[in-house]
Amino acid sequence: MARRTPPVRRCVGCGVREGKDSLVRVVRSPDGEIAVDEGGKAPGRGAYVCPKKDCVQELFRKNRLAKALRVSEIDEDTRDELFARLLHEDAE
């Protein structure tokens, strides 16, 4: 039986292609809430991000996350929370 190749996703911040398990998924739930998806299976529109500081900064500077999640903008409180959570993933 042939081995399955692991799923590959593209980071919306820097565009690098990596395995799904090395990227962090951010999801916009059906009710409009934006959060980091710990398990990777939450319902809603998702986007994958590298947990690197440069990539996360670029993600918010160029508004790429809002475009990927198909929202007009991400408010400051949510942005700060996501920034802290994404960089916390890098520290682990």
C-alpha atoms as a PDB file:
ATOM      1  CA  MET A   1       0.000   0.000   0.000  1.00  0.00           C
ATOM      2  CA  ALA A   2       1.344   3.431  -0.936  1.00  0.00           C
ATOM      3  CA  ARG A   3       2.162   5.980   1.759  1.00  0.00           C
ATOM      4  CA  ARG A   4       0.010   9.092   1.886  1.00  0.00           C
ATOM      5  CA  THR A   5       1.753  12.394   1.530  1.00  0.00           C
ATOM      6  CA  PRO A   6       1.026  14.809   4.369  1.00  0.00           C
ATOM      7  CA  PRO A   7      -1.275  17.740   3.526  1.00  0.00           C
ATOM      8  CA  VAL A   8       0.523  20.913   2.451  1.00  0.00           C
ATOM      9  CA  ARG A   9      -0.851  24.414   3.024  1.00  0.00           C
ATOM     10  CA  ARG A  10       0.312  27.904   2.009  1.00  0.00           C
ATOM     11  CA  CYS A  11       0.944  30.622   4.597  1.00  0.00           C
ATOM     12  CA  VAL A  12      -1.133  33.733   3.829  1.00  0.00           C
ATOM     13  CA  GLY A  13       1.586  35.954   5.316  1.00  0.00           C
ATOM     14  CA  CYS A  14       4.721  34.932   3.441  1.00  0.00           C
ATOM     15  CA  GLY A  15       3.424  32.421   0.884  1.00  0.00           C
ATOM     16  CA  VAL A  16       5.690  29.547   1.910  1.00  0.00           C
ATOM     17  CA  ARG A  17       4.290  26.029   1.484  1.00  0.00           C
ATOM     18  CA  GLU A  18       4.674  23.788   4.514  1.00  0.00           C
ATOM     19  CA  GLY A  19       3.041  20.810   6.109  1.00  0.00           C
ATOM     20  CA  LYS A  20      -0.328  21.470   7.673  1.00  0.00           C
ATOM     21  CA  ASP A  21       0.980  20.527  11.120  1.00  0.00           C
ATOM     22  CA  SER A  22       3.727  23.195  11.109  1.00  0.00           C
ATOM     23  CA  LEU A  23       1.346  26.090  10.388  1.00  0.00           C
ATOM     24  CA  VAL A  24      -1.258  27.667  12.668  1.00  0.00           C
ATOM     25  CA  ARG A  25      -4.862  27.867  11.477  1.00  0.00           C
ATOM     26  CA  VAL A  26      -6.888  31.013  12.044  1.00  0.00           C
ATOM     27  CA  VAL A  27     -10.621  30.628  11.478  1.00  0.00           C
ATOM     28  CA  ARG A  28     -13.630  32.903  11.008  1.00  0.00           C
ATOM     29  CA  SER A  29     -16.552  31.009  12.471  1.00  0.00           C
ATOM     30  CA  PRO A  30     -20.010  31.089  10.862  1.00  0.00           C
ATOM     31  CA  ASP A  31     -21.103  33.695  13.438  1.00  0.00           C
ATOM     32  CA  GLY A  32     -18.179  35.982  12.465  1.00  0.00           C
ATOM     33  CA  GLU A  33     -15.796  35.403  15.386  1.00  0.00           C
ATOM     34  CA  ILE A  34     -12.093  35.218  14.461  1.00  0.00           C
ATOM     35  CA  ALA A  35      -9.840  32.965  16.547  1.00  0.00           C
ATOM     36  CA  VAL A  36      -6.841  30.638  16.448  1.00  0.00           C
ATOM     37  CA  ASP A  37      -8.009  27.080  15.744  1.00  0.00           C
ATOM     38  CA  GLU A  38      -6.066  24.812  18.099  1.00  0.00           C
ATOM     39  CA  GLY A  39      -7.333  21.512  16.705  1.00  0.00           C
ATOM     40  CA  GLY A  40      -7.436  22.511  13.046  1.00  0.00           C
ATOM     41  CA  LYS A  41     -11.000  21.308  12.535  1.00  0.00           C
ATOM     42  CA  ALA A  42     -13.202  24.196  13.650  1.00  0.00           C
ATOM     43  CA  PRO A  43     -16.021  25.047  11.242  1.00  0.00           C
ATOM     44  CA  GLY A  44     -15.704  28.201   9.189  1.00  0.00           C
ATOM     45  CA  ARG A  45     -13.359  29.910   6.763  1.00  0.00           C
ATOM     46  CA  GLY A  46      -9.737  29.157   7.628  1.00  0.00           C
ATOM     47  CA  ALA A  47      -6.322  30.560   6.796  1.00  0.00           C
ATOM     48  CA  TYR A  48      -2.898  29.145   7.636  1.00  0.00           C
ATOM     49  CA  VAL A  49      -0.073  31.238   9.074  1.00  0.00           C
ATOM     50  CA  CYS A  50       3.592  30.630   9.935  1.00  0.00           C
ATOM     51  CA  PRO A  51       4.155  31.225  13.653  1.00  0.00           C
ATOM     52  CA  LYS A  52       7.106  33.540  12.935  1.00  0.00           C
ATOM     53  CA  LYS A  53       7.202  37.167  14.066  1.00  0.00           C
ATOM     54  CA  ASP A  54       8.154  38.581  10.634  1.00  0.00           C
ATOM     55  CA  CYS A  55       5.382  36.670   8.923  1.00  0.00           C
ATOM     56  CA  VAL A  56       2.731  37.644  11.483  1.00  0.00           C
ATOM     57  CA  GLN A  57       3.708  41.324  11.248  1.00  0.00           C
ATOM     58  CA  GLU A  58       3.472  41.206   7.441  1.00  0.00           C
ATOM     59  CA  LEU A  59       0.131  39.461   7.747  1.00  0.00           C
ATOM     60  CA  PHE A  60      -1.405  42.394   9.612  1.00  0.00           C
ATOM     61  CA  ARG A  61       0.543  45.164   7.885  1.00  0.00           C
ATOM     62  CA  LYS A  62      -0.755  44.241   4.437  1.00  0.00           C
ATOM     63  CA  ASN A  63      -4.200  43.160   5.707  1.00  0.00           C
ATOM     64  CA  ARG A  64      -3.700  39.687   4.218  1.00  0.00           C
ATOM     65  CA  LEU A  65      -5.512  37.850   6.983  1.00  0.00           C
ATOM     66  CA  ALA A  66      -8.687  39.902   6.527  1.00  0.00           C
ATOM     67  CA  LYS A  67      -8.617  39.195   2.792  1.00  0.00           C
ATOM     68  CA  ALA A  68      -8.073  35.465   3.333  1.00  0.00           C
ATOM     69  CA  LEU A  69     -10.910  35.269   5.854  1.00  0.00           C
ATOM     70  CA  ARG A  70     -13.136  37.423   3.603  1.00  0.00           C
ATOM     71  CA  VAL A  71     -13.857  40.134   6.166  1.00  0.00           C
ATOM     72  CA  SER A  72     -13.619  43.883   5.602  1.00  0.00           C
ATOM     73  CA  GLU A  73     -11.296  44.452   8.553  1.00  0.00           C
ATOM     74  CA  ILE A  74     -10.126  42.947  11.828  1.00  0.00           C
ATOM     75  CA  ASP A  75     -10.653  45.130  14.902  1.00  0.00           C
ATOM     76  CA  GLU A  76      -7.703  46.148  17.127  1.00  0.00           C
ATOM     77  CA  ASP A  77      -8.618  43.908  20.078  1.00  0.00           C
ATOM     78  CA  THR A  78      -8.902  40.805  17.906  1.00  0.00           C
ATOM     79  CA  ARG A  79      -5.696  41.733  16.074  1.00  0.00           C
ATOM     80  CA  ASP A  80      -3.755  42.082  19.341  1.00  0.00           C
ATOM     81  CA  GLU A  81      -5.124  38.795  20.663  1.00  0.00           C
ATOM     82  CA  LEU A  82      -4.266  36.933  17.443  1.00  0.00           C
ATOM     83  CA  PHE A  83      -0.777  38.484  17.372  1.00  0.00           C
ATOM     84  CA  ALA A  84      -0.110  37.295  20.923  1.00  0.00           C
ATOM     85  CA  ARG A  85      -1.548  33.804  20.297  1.00  0.00           C
ATOM     86  CA  LEU A  86       0.334  33.297  17.030  1.00  0.00           C
ATOM     87  CA  LEU A  87       3.648  34.326  18.551  1.00  0.00           C
ATOM     88  CA  HIS A  88       2.925  32.178  21.617  1.00  0.00           C
ATOM     89  CA  GLU A  89       2.707  29.170  19.278  1.00  0.00           C
ATOM     90  CA  ASP A  90       6.240  30.036  18.081  1.00  0.00           C
ATOM     91  CA  ALA A  91       7.603  29.973  21.645  1.00  0.00           C
ATOM     92  CA  GLU A  92       6.399  26.405  22.267  1.00  0.00           C
END
